[in-house]
Every structure is written in structure tokens, then in C-alpha cells.
Amino acid sequence: MAKKAVASFKKSDGRTYSKVIKMVKSPKTGAYTFMEEMVPNEAVQEFFA
């Protein structure tokens, strides 16, 4: 069986990381792109600021 990548982020105390997706507008073309990242739960608000 294949090992899931998300399993390495889990600890015994529960989920400590969240996958966040942010929509960013390109200054050149004006098109929107999606930026996704795994961040600690404490840093989710900082990611969107």
C-alpha cells in the first residue's frame, strides 16, 4: 500500500497542520492563481494576512 503524505504531519495529539488555499491575482495578466500550503494551525491567520 502507498503511504499517504498527510500521515507524516499527524501526531498523537491530533492534527497540528492545516492545508490552506489562497487565491492570488497576477499583476502581469490579471488572472487568478491558487497558492496552497501546509501550515501549522497557529499560523493560519498569518498566512491570509
N, C-alpha and C. Protein backbone atom coordinates (compact mmCIF):
# COMPACT_ATOMS: atom_id res chain seq x y z
N MET A 1 0.83 -1.19 0.00
CA MET A 1 0.00 0.00 0.00
C MET A 1 0.86 1.24 0.00
N ALA A 2 0.38 2.28 -0.62
CA ALA A 2 1.12 3.54 -0.66
C ALA A 2 0.93 4.30 0.65
N LYS A 3 1.97 4.95 1.07
CA LYS A 3 1.92 5.74 2.30
C LYS A 3 1.42 7.14 1.97
N LYS A 4 0.48 7.61 2.73
CA LYS A 4 -0.06 8.95 2.48
C LYS A 4 0.89 10.00 3.02
N ALA A 5 1.03 11.11 2.30
CA ALA A 5 1.90 12.20 2.74
C ALA A 5 1.35 12.89 3.98
N VAL A 6 0.03 12.93 4.12
CA VAL A 6 -0.60 13.62 5.24
C VAL A 6 -0.31 12.91 6.55
N ALA A 7 -0.07 11.60 6.50
CA ALA A 7 0.18 10.83 7.72
C ALA A 7 1.43 11.31 8.44
N SER A 8 2.39 11.85 7.72
CA SER A 8 3.61 12.32 8.37
C SER A 8 3.40 13.60 9.16
N PHE A 9 2.33 14.34 8.88
CA PHE A 9 2.05 15.58 9.59
C PHE A 9 1.24 15.35 10.86
N LYS A 10 0.69 14.16 11.02
CA LYS A 10 -0.14 13.89 12.19
C LYS A 10 0.71 13.50 13.38
N LYS A 11 0.23 13.85 14.55
CA LYS A 11 0.87 13.44 15.79
C LYS A 11 -0.19 12.81 16.66
N SER A 12 0.20 12.29 17.80
CA SER A 12 -0.75 11.60 18.66
C SER A 12 -1.77 12.55 19.28
N ASP A 13 -1.46 13.85 19.36
CA ASP A 13 -2.39 14.81 19.96
C ASP A 13 -3.39 15.38 18.96
N GLY A 14 -3.42 14.87 17.74
CA GLY A 14 -4.38 15.33 16.75
C GLY A 14 -3.69 16.07 15.62
N ARG A 15 -4.49 16.72 14.78
CA ARG A 15 -3.93 17.45 13.65
C ARG A 15 -3.29 18.75 14.13
N THR A 16 -2.06 18.98 13.73
CA THR A 16 -1.38 20.21 14.09
C THR A 16 -1.10 21.07 12.87
N TYR A 17 -1.36 20.53 11.67
CA TYR A 17 -1.16 21.27 10.43
C TYR A 17 -2.47 21.33 9.66
N SER A 18 -2.65 22.41 8.90
CA SER A 18 -3.82 22.56 8.05
C SER A 18 -3.36 22.91 6.64
N LYS A 19 -4.10 22.43 5.66
CA LYS A 19 -3.82 22.79 4.28
C LYS A 19 -4.66 24.02 3.96
N VAL A 20 -4.00 25.11 3.59
CA VAL A 20 -4.71 26.36 3.29
C VAL A 20 -4.53 26.70 1.81
N ILE A 21 -5.57 27.27 1.23
CA ILE A 21 -5.56 27.64 -0.18
C ILE A 21 -5.94 29.10 -0.28
N LYS A 22 -5.11 29.87 -0.98
CA LYS A 22 -5.30 31.31 -1.10
C LYS A 22 -5.36 31.67 -2.59
N MET A 23 -6.30 32.53 -2.98
CA MET A 23 -6.41 32.96 -4.36
C MET A 23 -5.61 34.25 -4.53
N VAL A 24 -4.66 34.26 -5.48
CA VAL A 24 -3.77 35.39 -5.68
C VAL A 24 -3.91 35.87 -7.12
N LYS A 25 -4.04 37.20 -7.28
CA LYS A 25 -4.17 37.78 -8.61
C LYS A 25 -2.80 38.14 -9.15
N SER A 26 -2.53 37.73 -10.39
CA SER A 26 -1.25 38.01 -11.04
C SER A 26 -1.21 39.47 -11.48
N PRO A 27 -0.14 40.20 -11.16
CA PRO A 27 -0.06 41.60 -11.57
C PRO A 27 0.14 41.77 -13.08
N LYS A 28 0.75 40.77 -13.74
CA LYS A 28 1.00 40.88 -15.18
C LYS A 28 -0.26 40.64 -16.00
N THR A 29 -0.91 39.51 -15.78
CA THR A 29 -2.02 39.11 -16.63
C THR A 29 -3.38 39.41 -16.04
N GLY A 30 -3.45 39.56 -14.72
CA GLY A 30 -4.73 39.78 -14.07
C GLY A 30 -5.48 38.49 -13.78
N ALA A 31 -4.89 37.35 -14.14
CA ALA A 31 -5.52 36.07 -13.90
C ALA A 31 -5.31 35.65 -12.44
N TYR A 32 -6.22 34.87 -11.93
CA TYR A 32 -6.12 34.38 -10.57
C TYR A 32 -5.46 33.00 -10.55
N THR A 33 -4.58 32.81 -9.58
CA THR A 33 -3.97 31.51 -9.36
C THR A 33 -4.21 31.11 -7.91
N PHE A 34 -4.10 29.84 -7.64
CA PHE A 34 -4.32 29.34 -6.29
C PHE A 34 -2.99 28.91 -5.70
N MET A 35 -2.70 29.41 -4.49
CA MET A 35 -1.49 29.06 -3.78
C MET A 35 -1.90 28.21 -2.58
N GLU A 36 -1.41 27.00 -2.52
CA GLU A 36 -1.76 26.13 -1.40
C GLU A 36 -0.52 25.72 -0.64
N GLU A 37 -0.69 25.56 0.67
CA GLU A 37 0.45 25.30 1.54
C GLU A 37 -0.01 24.59 2.80
N MET A 38 0.89 23.81 3.40
CA MET A 38 0.63 23.18 4.69
C MET A 38 1.25 24.07 5.76
N VAL A 39 0.43 24.59 6.66
CA VAL A 39 0.92 25.49 7.71
C VAL A 39 0.44 24.99 9.07
N PRO A 40 1.16 25.31 10.14
CA PRO A 40 0.68 24.95 11.48
C PRO A 40 -0.63 25.67 11.79
N ASN A 41 -1.45 25.07 12.63
CA ASN A 41 -2.75 25.67 12.95
C ASN A 41 -2.63 27.08 13.51
N GLU A 42 -1.53 27.36 14.24
CA GLU A 42 -1.36 28.68 14.83
C GLU A 42 -1.07 29.75 13.78
N ALA A 43 -0.54 29.37 12.63
CA ALA A 43 -0.11 30.33 11.60
C ALA A 43 -1.13 30.50 10.47
N VAL A 44 -2.33 29.97 10.61
CA VAL A 44 -3.31 30.06 9.53
C VAL A 44 -3.73 31.51 9.30
N GLN A 45 -3.99 32.26 10.34
CA GLN A 45 -4.40 33.65 10.18
C GLN A 45 -3.29 34.50 9.59
N GLU A 46 -2.05 34.22 9.94
CA GLU A 46 -0.90 34.96 9.39
C GLU A 46 -0.75 34.70 7.89
N PHE A 47 -1.10 33.49 7.44
CA PHE A 47 -0.99 33.14 6.03
C PHE A 47 -1.94 34.00 5.20
N PHE A 48 -3.12 34.27 5.70
CA PHE A 48 -4.10 35.03 4.94
C PHE A 48 -3.93 36.54 5.09
N ALA A 49 -3.10 36.99 6.02
CA ALA A 49 -2.90 38.44 6.22
C ALA A 49 -2.00 39.02 5.17
